[in-house]
N, C-alpha and C. Protein backbone atom coordinates (compact mmCIF):
# COMPACT_ATOMS: atom_id res chain seq x y z
N UNK A 1 21.21 22.54 -33.63
CA UNK A 1 20.11 22.74 -32.69
C UNK A 1 19.06 23.65 -33.33
N UNK A 2 17.78 23.29 -33.15
CA UNK A 2 16.73 24.19 -33.62
C UNK A 2 16.86 25.54 -32.90
N UNK A 3 16.38 26.59 -33.53
CA UNK A 3 16.50 27.92 -32.97
C UNK A 3 15.57 28.09 -31.76
N UNK A 4 16.13 28.46 -30.62
CA UNK A 4 15.28 28.76 -29.45
C UNK A 4 14.45 30.01 -29.71
N UNK A 5 13.42 30.17 -28.90
CA UNK A 5 12.57 31.36 -29.00
C UNK A 5 12.06 31.71 -27.61
N UNK A 6 11.40 32.84 -27.55
CA UNK A 6 10.74 33.26 -26.32
C UNK A 6 9.24 33.12 -26.53
N UNK A 7 8.58 32.46 -25.60
CA UNK A 7 7.12 32.26 -25.67
C UNK A 7 6.47 32.81 -24.41
N UNK A 8 5.27 33.32 -24.58
CA UNK A 8 4.43 33.66 -23.44
C UNK A 8 3.57 32.43 -23.15
N UNK A 9 3.56 32.02 -21.90
CA UNK A 9 2.77 30.85 -21.51
C UNK A 9 1.79 31.25 -20.43
N UNK A 10 0.57 30.74 -20.54
CA UNK A 10 -0.42 30.91 -19.49
C UNK A 10 -0.12 29.97 -18.34
N UNK A 11 -0.67 30.26 -17.18
CA UNK A 11 -0.55 29.34 -16.05
C UNK A 11 -1.17 28.00 -16.44
N UNK A 12 -0.53 26.91 -16.02
CA UNK A 12 -0.98 25.57 -16.39
C UNK A 12 -1.12 24.70 -15.15
N UNK A 13 -2.37 24.35 -14.76
CA UNK A 13 -2.50 23.41 -13.63
C UNK A 13 -2.00 22.03 -14.03
N UNK A 14 -1.51 21.30 -13.06
CA UNK A 14 -1.01 19.96 -13.33
C UNK A 14 -1.07 19.11 -12.07
N UNK A 15 -0.87 17.83 -12.26
CA UNK A 15 -0.68 16.89 -11.17
C UNK A 15 0.74 16.36 -11.27
N UNK A 16 1.37 16.13 -10.13
CA UNK A 16 2.75 15.66 -10.17
C UNK A 16 3.13 14.84 -8.96
N UNK A 17 4.27 14.17 -9.09
CA UNK A 17 4.87 13.40 -8.00
C UNK A 17 6.32 13.85 -7.89
N UNK A 18 6.68 14.38 -6.71
CA UNK A 18 8.06 14.85 -6.49
C UNK A 18 8.97 13.69 -6.12
N UNK A 19 10.24 13.86 -6.51
CA UNK A 19 11.23 12.82 -6.24
C UNK A 19 12.60 13.48 -6.16
N UNK A 20 13.39 13.07 -5.18
CA UNK A 20 14.81 13.45 -5.13
C UNK A 20 15.59 12.34 -5.80
N UNK A 21 16.41 12.73 -6.78
CA UNK A 21 17.16 11.75 -7.56
C UNK A 21 18.60 12.23 -7.73
N UNK A 22 19.44 11.35 -8.24
CA UNK A 22 20.76 11.71 -8.72
C UNK A 22 20.74 11.44 -10.22
N UNK A 23 21.76 11.88 -10.90
CA UNK A 23 21.81 11.62 -12.34
C UNK A 23 21.87 10.11 -12.62
N UNK A 24 22.45 9.35 -11.70
CA UNK A 24 22.51 7.90 -11.92
C UNK A 24 21.21 7.19 -11.55
N UNK A 25 20.29 7.88 -10.87
CA UNK A 25 19.01 7.26 -10.52
C UNK A 25 17.84 7.95 -11.23
N UNK A 26 18.11 8.53 -12.41
CA UNK A 26 17.10 9.27 -13.16
C UNK A 26 15.90 8.40 -13.51
N UNK A 27 16.11 7.09 -13.65
CA UNK A 27 14.99 6.19 -13.98
C UNK A 27 13.87 6.25 -12.96
N UNK A 28 14.18 6.63 -11.72
CA UNK A 28 13.15 6.73 -10.69
C UNK A 28 12.06 7.73 -11.07
N UNK A 29 12.45 8.86 -11.66
CA UNK A 29 11.45 9.85 -12.03
C UNK A 29 10.65 9.38 -13.25
N UNK A 30 11.28 8.63 -14.13
CA UNK A 30 10.55 8.06 -15.27
C UNK A 30 9.49 7.07 -14.76
N UNK A 31 9.84 6.28 -13.74
CA UNK A 31 8.85 5.38 -13.12
C UNK A 31 7.70 6.18 -12.52
N UNK A 32 8.01 7.34 -11.97
CA UNK A 32 6.96 8.19 -11.39
C UNK A 32 6.00 8.68 -12.47
N UNK A 33 6.49 8.92 -13.69
CA UNK A 33 5.58 9.30 -14.78
C UNK A 33 4.57 8.18 -15.03
N UNK A 34 5.03 6.93 -15.02
CA UNK A 34 4.13 5.79 -15.19
C UNK A 34 3.14 5.70 -14.03
N UNK A 35 3.62 5.87 -12.80
CA UNK A 35 2.74 5.82 -11.63
C UNK A 35 1.68 6.92 -11.68
N UNK A 36 2.10 8.11 -12.12
CA UNK A 36 1.15 9.22 -12.23
C UNK A 36 0.07 8.90 -13.26
N UNK A 37 0.44 8.36 -14.41
CA UNK A 37 -0.54 8.01 -15.43
C UNK A 37 -1.53 6.97 -14.91
N UNK A 38 -1.04 5.99 -14.16
CA UNK A 38 -1.92 4.97 -13.58
C UNK A 38 -2.88 5.60 -12.58
N UNK A 39 -2.37 6.47 -11.70
CA UNK A 39 -3.22 7.13 -10.70
C UNK A 39 -4.29 7.97 -11.39
N UNK A 40 -3.88 8.74 -12.42
CA UNK A 40 -4.84 9.60 -13.12
C UNK A 40 -5.94 8.77 -13.79
N UNK A 41 -5.57 7.67 -14.41
CA UNK A 41 -6.57 6.82 -15.06
C UNK A 41 -7.54 6.26 -14.04
N UNK A 42 -7.03 5.81 -12.90
CA UNK A 42 -7.89 5.26 -11.85
C UNK A 42 -8.81 6.32 -11.27
N UNK A 43 -8.34 7.58 -11.22
CA UNK A 43 -9.14 8.67 -10.67
C UNK A 43 -10.05 9.30 -11.73
N UNK A 44 -9.95 8.85 -12.97
CA UNK A 44 -10.78 9.41 -14.04
C UNK A 44 -10.35 10.80 -14.46
N UNK A 45 -9.07 11.12 -14.29
CA UNK A 45 -8.53 12.43 -14.65
C UNK A 45 -7.74 12.29 -15.94
N UNK A 46 -8.08 13.13 -16.92
CA UNK A 46 -7.37 13.09 -18.20
C UNK A 46 -6.30 14.17 -18.25
N UNK A 47 -5.16 13.81 -18.81
CA UNK A 47 -4.12 14.80 -19.06
C UNK A 47 -4.56 15.69 -20.22
N UNK A 48 -4.21 16.98 -20.14
CA UNK A 48 -4.57 17.91 -21.21
C UNK A 48 -3.39 18.19 -22.13
N UNK A 49 -2.31 17.42 -21.98
CA UNK A 49 -1.12 17.60 -22.80
C UNK A 49 -0.10 16.55 -22.43
N UNK A 50 1.12 16.68 -22.96
CA UNK A 50 2.14 15.67 -22.72
C UNK A 50 2.71 15.70 -21.31
N UNK A 51 3.16 14.54 -20.86
CA UNK A 51 3.84 14.43 -19.57
C UNK A 51 5.13 15.24 -19.60
N UNK A 52 5.60 15.59 -18.41
CA UNK A 52 6.82 16.38 -18.33
C UNK A 52 7.57 16.07 -17.04
N UNK A 53 8.79 16.56 -17.00
CA UNK A 53 9.57 16.57 -15.76
C UNK A 53 9.88 18.03 -15.46
N UNK A 54 9.54 18.44 -14.26
CA UNK A 54 9.83 19.80 -13.78
C UNK A 54 11.01 19.71 -12.83
N UNK A 55 12.02 20.53 -13.09
CA UNK A 55 13.22 20.57 -12.26
C UNK A 55 13.08 21.71 -11.26
N UNK A 56 12.97 21.38 -9.98
CA UNK A 56 12.85 22.42 -8.94
C UNK A 56 14.22 22.88 -8.46
N UNK A 57 15.10 21.94 -8.13
CA UNK A 57 16.45 22.26 -7.66
C UNK A 57 17.42 21.30 -8.33
N UNK A 58 18.54 21.85 -8.83
CA UNK A 58 19.50 21.04 -9.57
C UNK A 58 20.89 21.18 -8.96
N UNK A 59 21.47 20.07 -8.61
CA UNK A 59 22.90 19.97 -8.30
C UNK A 59 23.36 18.70 -9.00
N UNK A 60 23.91 18.85 -10.18
CA UNK A 60 24.23 17.70 -11.03
C UNK A 60 25.20 16.73 -10.35
N UNK A 61 26.02 17.22 -9.43
CA UNK A 61 26.99 16.36 -8.75
C UNK A 61 26.41 15.63 -7.54
N UNK A 62 25.27 16.14 -7.03
CA UNK A 62 24.70 15.52 -5.84
C UNK A 62 23.26 15.06 -6.08
N UNK A 63 22.33 15.97 -6.01
CA UNK A 63 20.93 15.58 -6.02
C UNK A 63 20.10 16.60 -6.80
N UNK A 64 19.02 16.11 -7.37
CA UNK A 64 18.06 16.95 -8.08
C UNK A 64 16.70 16.73 -7.44
N UNK A 65 15.97 17.82 -7.21
CA UNK A 65 14.58 17.72 -6.77
C UNK A 65 13.72 17.97 -7.99
N UNK A 66 13.02 16.93 -8.44
CA UNK A 66 12.26 16.98 -9.68
C UNK A 66 10.82 16.55 -9.42
N UNK A 67 10.00 16.76 -10.43
CA UNK A 67 8.60 16.36 -10.33
C UNK A 67 8.15 15.78 -11.65
N UNK A 68 7.63 14.56 -11.61
CA UNK A 68 7.01 13.94 -12.77
C UNK A 68 5.60 14.51 -12.85
N UNK A 69 5.23 15.11 -13.98
CA UNK A 69 3.95 15.79 -14.04
C UNK A 69 3.17 15.55 -15.31
N UNK A 70 1.90 15.94 -15.25
CA UNK A 70 1.01 15.91 -16.40
C UNK A 70 0.05 17.08 -16.28
N UNK A 71 -0.11 17.88 -17.35
CA UNK A 71 -1.04 19.00 -17.30
C UNK A 71 -2.48 18.51 -17.26
N UNK A 72 -3.33 19.31 -16.62
CA UNK A 72 -4.76 19.03 -16.57
C UNK A 72 -5.51 20.31 -16.97
N UNK A 73 -6.72 20.15 -17.48
CA UNK A 73 -7.49 21.30 -17.98
C UNK A 73 -7.92 22.22 -16.84
N UNK A 74 -8.26 21.66 -15.71
CA UNK A 74 -8.71 22.42 -14.54
C UNK A 74 -7.98 21.89 -13.32
N UNK A 75 -7.79 22.72 -12.29
CA UNK A 75 -7.13 22.21 -11.07
C UNK A 75 -7.85 20.99 -10.51
N UNK A 76 -7.05 20.02 -10.07
CA UNK A 76 -7.56 18.76 -9.54
C UNK A 76 -6.83 18.48 -8.24
N UNK A 77 -7.54 17.98 -7.24
CA UNK A 77 -6.90 17.59 -5.98
C UNK A 77 -6.09 16.32 -6.18
N UNK A 78 -4.92 16.31 -5.61
CA UNK A 78 -4.11 15.10 -5.61
C UNK A 78 -4.44 14.26 -4.38
N UNK A 79 -3.69 13.17 -4.24
CA UNK A 79 -3.89 12.27 -3.10
C UNK A 79 -2.60 11.49 -2.90
N UNK A 80 -2.17 11.36 -1.65
CA UNK A 80 -0.94 10.63 -1.36
C UNK A 80 0.26 11.34 -1.97
N UNK A 81 1.05 10.62 -2.75
CA UNK A 81 2.22 11.20 -3.40
C UNK A 81 1.86 12.15 -4.54
N UNK A 82 0.65 12.06 -5.05
CA UNK A 82 0.22 12.90 -6.17
C UNK A 82 -0.27 14.23 -5.62
N UNK A 83 0.38 15.32 -6.09
CA UNK A 83 0.04 16.66 -5.61
C UNK A 83 -0.37 17.54 -6.78
N UNK A 84 -1.20 18.53 -6.48
CA UNK A 84 -1.61 19.51 -7.48
C UNK A 84 -0.58 20.63 -7.52
N UNK A 85 -0.35 21.17 -8.71
CA UNK A 85 0.57 22.28 -8.87
C UNK A 85 0.15 23.14 -10.04
N UNK A 86 0.91 24.23 -10.23
CA UNK A 86 0.67 25.13 -11.36
C UNK A 86 2.02 25.54 -11.93
N UNK A 87 2.17 25.37 -13.24
CA UNK A 87 3.31 25.94 -13.93
C UNK A 87 2.96 27.41 -14.13
N UNK A 88 3.80 28.34 -13.63
CA UNK A 88 3.40 29.74 -13.63
C UNK A 88 3.38 30.37 -15.02
N UNK A 89 2.50 31.35 -15.17
CA UNK A 89 2.44 32.13 -16.41
C UNK A 89 3.72 32.96 -16.52
N UNK A 90 4.06 33.34 -17.74
CA UNK A 90 5.20 34.22 -17.92
C UNK A 90 5.88 33.99 -19.25
N UNK A 91 7.04 34.63 -19.37
CA UNK A 91 7.88 34.49 -20.56
C UNK A 91 8.83 33.33 -20.34
N UNK A 92 8.99 32.52 -21.38
CA UNK A 92 9.84 31.33 -21.30
C UNK A 92 10.78 31.28 -22.49
N UNK A 93 12.03 30.88 -22.22
CA UNK A 93 12.95 30.50 -23.28
C UNK A 93 12.62 29.05 -23.60
N UNK A 94 12.47 28.74 -24.89
CA UNK A 94 12.02 27.40 -25.25
C UNK A 94 12.69 26.91 -26.53
N UNK A 95 12.81 25.60 -26.62
CA UNK A 95 13.31 24.95 -27.83
C UNK A 95 12.74 23.54 -27.86
N UNK A 96 12.46 23.04 -29.06
CA UNK A 96 12.00 21.66 -29.23
C UNK A 96 13.11 20.86 -29.91
N UNK A 97 13.44 19.73 -29.31
CA UNK A 97 14.52 18.86 -29.79
C UNK A 97 13.92 17.56 -30.31
N UNK A 98 14.40 17.12 -31.46
CA UNK A 98 14.07 15.79 -31.97
C UNK A 98 15.33 14.96 -31.88
N UNK A 99 15.28 13.89 -31.09
CA UNK A 99 16.44 13.03 -30.94
C UNK A 99 16.39 12.27 -29.62
N UNK A 100 17.42 11.51 -29.40
CA UNK A 100 17.54 10.65 -28.22
C UNK A 100 17.55 11.50 -26.94
N UNK A 101 16.88 11.05 -25.88
CA UNK A 101 16.88 11.79 -24.62
C UNK A 101 18.27 12.03 -24.04
N UNK A 102 19.25 11.18 -24.36
CA UNK A 102 20.62 11.39 -23.89
C UNK A 102 21.20 12.70 -24.42
N UNK A 103 20.64 13.24 -25.49
CA UNK A 103 21.13 14.49 -26.08
C UNK A 103 20.60 15.72 -25.37
N UNK A 104 19.67 15.55 -24.43
CA UNK A 104 19.02 16.70 -23.79
C UNK A 104 19.97 17.51 -22.92
N UNK A 105 21.00 16.90 -22.36
CA UNK A 105 21.95 17.68 -21.56
C UNK A 105 22.64 18.71 -22.47
N UNK A 106 23.06 18.30 -23.65
CA UNK A 106 23.70 19.22 -24.59
C UNK A 106 22.71 20.27 -25.08
N UNK A 107 21.48 19.86 -25.37
CA UNK A 107 20.46 20.80 -25.83
C UNK A 107 20.17 21.83 -24.74
N UNK A 108 20.12 21.38 -23.50
CA UNK A 108 19.90 22.30 -22.38
C UNK A 108 21.06 23.30 -22.30
N UNK A 109 22.28 22.82 -22.42
CA UNK A 109 23.44 23.71 -22.40
C UNK A 109 23.37 24.74 -23.52
N UNK A 110 22.94 24.31 -24.70
CA UNK A 110 22.80 25.23 -25.83
C UNK A 110 21.73 26.29 -25.57
N UNK A 111 20.61 25.87 -24.96
CA UNK A 111 19.54 26.82 -24.64
C UNK A 111 20.02 27.84 -23.61
N UNK A 112 20.72 27.39 -22.59
CA UNK A 112 21.24 28.30 -21.57
C UNK A 112 22.23 29.29 -22.19
N UNK A 113 23.11 28.80 -23.06
CA UNK A 113 24.09 29.66 -23.72
C UNK A 113 23.40 30.68 -24.64
N UNK A 114 22.37 30.24 -25.36
CA UNK A 114 21.62 31.15 -26.22
C UNK A 114 21.01 32.28 -25.40
N UNK A 115 20.40 31.93 -24.27
CA UNK A 115 19.78 32.95 -23.42
C UNK A 115 20.82 33.93 -22.89
N UNK A 116 21.99 33.43 -22.51
CA UNK A 116 23.05 34.30 -22.01
C UNK A 116 23.50 35.28 -23.10
N UNK A 117 23.70 34.76 -24.31
CA UNK A 117 24.11 35.63 -25.43
C UNK A 117 23.04 36.69 -25.72
N UNK A 118 21.77 36.33 -25.51
CA UNK A 118 20.67 37.25 -25.76
C UNK A 118 20.43 38.21 -24.60
N UNK A 119 21.19 38.06 -23.51
CA UNK A 119 21.03 38.93 -22.35
C UNK A 119 19.80 38.63 -21.53
N UNK A 120 19.34 37.40 -21.56
CA UNK A 120 18.14 37.01 -20.82
C UNK A 120 18.52 36.42 -19.46
N UNK A 121 17.74 36.75 -18.45
CA UNK A 121 17.92 36.17 -17.11
C UNK A 121 16.78 35.21 -16.84
N UNK A 122 17.12 34.09 -16.20
CA UNK A 122 16.10 33.12 -15.84
C UNK A 122 15.55 33.41 -14.45
N UNK A 123 14.34 32.95 -14.20
CA UNK A 123 13.71 33.05 -12.88
C UNK A 123 14.26 31.90 -12.04
N UNK A 124 15.46 32.13 -11.50
CA UNK A 124 16.17 31.12 -10.73
C UNK A 124 16.94 31.81 -9.62
N UNK A 125 17.38 31.03 -8.64
CA UNK A 125 18.13 31.58 -7.52
C UNK A 125 19.01 30.49 -6.93
N UNK A 126 20.02 30.96 -6.18
CA UNK A 126 20.89 30.02 -5.48
C UNK A 126 20.17 29.52 -4.24
N UNK A 127 20.26 28.23 -4.02
CA UNK A 127 19.64 27.56 -2.88
C UNK A 127 20.72 26.70 -2.24
N UNK A 128 20.69 26.49 -0.93
CA UNK A 128 21.71 25.63 -0.32
C UNK A 128 21.81 24.24 -0.95
N UNK A 129 20.70 23.79 -1.56
CA UNK A 129 20.70 22.46 -2.19
C UNK A 129 21.15 22.50 -3.64
N UNK A 130 21.29 23.71 -4.23
CA UNK A 130 21.70 23.80 -5.62
C UNK A 130 21.09 24.98 -6.33
N UNK A 131 20.87 24.82 -7.63
CA UNK A 131 20.33 25.85 -8.50
C UNK A 131 18.81 25.69 -8.54
N UNK A 132 18.07 26.62 -7.90
CA UNK A 132 16.61 26.52 -7.80
C UNK A 132 15.95 27.30 -8.94
N UNK A 133 14.87 26.75 -9.47
CA UNK A 133 14.17 27.32 -10.62
C UNK A 133 12.69 27.51 -10.32
N UNK A 134 12.15 28.67 -10.75
CA UNK A 134 10.70 28.89 -10.64
C UNK A 134 9.95 27.92 -11.54
N UNK A 135 10.49 27.69 -12.74
CA UNK A 135 9.86 26.73 -13.64
C UNK A 135 10.83 26.36 -14.75
N UNK A 136 11.34 25.14 -14.69
CA UNK A 136 12.24 24.59 -15.70
C UNK A 136 11.70 23.21 -16.04
N UNK A 137 11.27 23.03 -17.30
CA UNK A 137 10.49 21.85 -17.68
C UNK A 137 11.03 21.20 -18.95
N UNK A 138 10.99 19.86 -18.96
CA UNK A 138 11.17 19.04 -20.17
C UNK A 138 9.82 18.39 -20.43
N UNK A 139 9.22 18.72 -21.55
CA UNK A 139 7.91 18.18 -21.90
C UNK A 139 8.08 17.16 -23.02
N UNK A 140 7.57 15.95 -22.81
CA UNK A 140 7.79 14.82 -23.72
C UNK A 140 6.64 14.69 -24.70
N UNK A 141 6.86 15.18 -25.92
CA UNK A 141 5.80 15.24 -26.93
C UNK A 141 5.52 13.90 -27.58
N UNK A 142 6.48 12.98 -27.52
CA UNK A 142 6.34 11.69 -28.19
C UNK A 142 5.98 10.61 -27.17
N UNK A 143 4.97 9.84 -27.48
CA UNK A 143 4.58 8.70 -26.65
C UNK A 143 5.44 7.50 -27.07
N UNK A 144 6.26 6.96 -26.16
CA UNK A 144 7.12 5.83 -26.52
C UNK A 144 6.34 4.62 -27.04
N UNK A 145 5.07 4.48 -26.64
CA UNK A 145 4.25 3.38 -27.16
C UNK A 145 3.95 3.56 -28.65
N UNK A 146 3.88 4.82 -29.09
CA UNK A 146 3.60 5.11 -30.50
C UNK A 146 4.86 5.14 -31.35
N UNK A 147 5.99 5.54 -30.74
CA UNK A 147 7.26 5.66 -31.48
C UNK A 147 8.39 5.07 -30.64
N UNK A 148 8.73 3.81 -30.87
CA UNK A 148 9.78 3.17 -30.07
C UNK A 148 11.20 3.65 -30.40
N UNK A 149 11.39 4.27 -31.56
CA UNK A 149 12.72 4.74 -31.96
C UNK A 149 13.03 6.05 -31.22
N UNK A 150 13.91 5.96 -30.21
CA UNK A 150 14.21 7.11 -29.37
C UNK A 150 14.86 8.25 -30.14
N UNK A 151 15.46 7.98 -31.29
CA UNK A 151 16.08 9.06 -32.07
C UNK A 151 15.03 9.95 -32.74
N UNK A 152 13.76 9.53 -32.70
CA UNK A 152 12.68 10.31 -33.30
C UNK A 152 11.82 11.02 -32.25
N UNK A 153 12.17 10.87 -30.98
CA UNK A 153 11.37 11.48 -29.93
C UNK A 153 11.52 13.00 -29.94
N UNK A 154 10.41 13.69 -29.69
CA UNK A 154 10.41 15.15 -29.59
C UNK A 154 10.22 15.56 -28.13
N UNK A 155 11.06 16.50 -27.71
CA UNK A 155 11.01 17.02 -26.34
C UNK A 155 11.11 18.53 -26.41
N UNK A 156 10.21 19.22 -25.72
CA UNK A 156 10.28 20.67 -25.64
C UNK A 156 10.81 21.07 -24.27
N UNK A 157 11.82 21.92 -24.28
CA UNK A 157 12.33 22.51 -23.05
C UNK A 157 11.72 23.90 -22.93
N UNK A 158 11.24 24.24 -21.73
CA UNK A 158 10.82 25.63 -21.51
C UNK A 158 11.19 26.04 -20.10
N UNK A 159 11.96 27.15 -20.03
CA UNK A 159 12.53 27.66 -18.78
C UNK A 159 12.02 29.10 -18.59
N UNK A 160 11.41 29.35 -17.42
CA UNK A 160 10.81 30.66 -17.16
C UNK A 160 11.89 31.73 -17.05
N UNK A 161 11.63 32.85 -17.71
CA UNK A 161 12.53 34.00 -17.65
C UNK A 161 12.15 34.92 -16.50
N UNK A 162 13.13 35.64 -15.99
CA UNK A 162 12.88 36.61 -14.93
C UNK A 162 12.02 37.75 -15.49
N UNK A 163 11.16 38.29 -14.63
CA UNK A 163 10.33 39.45 -15.02
C UNK A 163 10.85 40.67 -14.30
N UNK A 164 11.04 41.77 -14.92
CA UNK A 164 11.10 41.90 -16.38
C UNK A 164 12.46 41.50 -16.90
N UNK A 165 12.55 41.14 -18.18
CA UNK A 165 13.87 40.83 -18.73
C UNK A 165 14.76 42.07 -18.68
N UNK A 166 16.05 41.84 -18.51
CA UNK A 166 16.96 43.01 -18.44
C UNK A 166 17.19 43.61 -19.79
């Protein structure tokens, strides 16, 4: 695994579509990424970076509340299922993975273990629906239209750390 690091990130406005999924219905959120891109193109809104999935609440055995998103340069009003949001500023544990998306569960586990060994706390809390996160993101750096070989895809994980770190 590439070495994780801590990054300071500025607040990032974005547009997104929320979806409740299970691990077996993960394709639904991928479809939402396509729907978001179509909506943005029709509205004349350009993404200012790669698409991502933001994990709001995670219960791997039951349901995940996620958001298919795309960053924008300035805040933009959404419409219908498309909502405006902001990825909050702060310190983030981050790592970039090159490889098949199926490997991201292991990469995520490695990032969480690295943070624990480093004594870092995440900006997360227990929620009746599962493990809630202030900001936990998978950002997809590779466009599948440009690179069809999934083993070459690059994905950056960035998870907001609690302020202040312990």
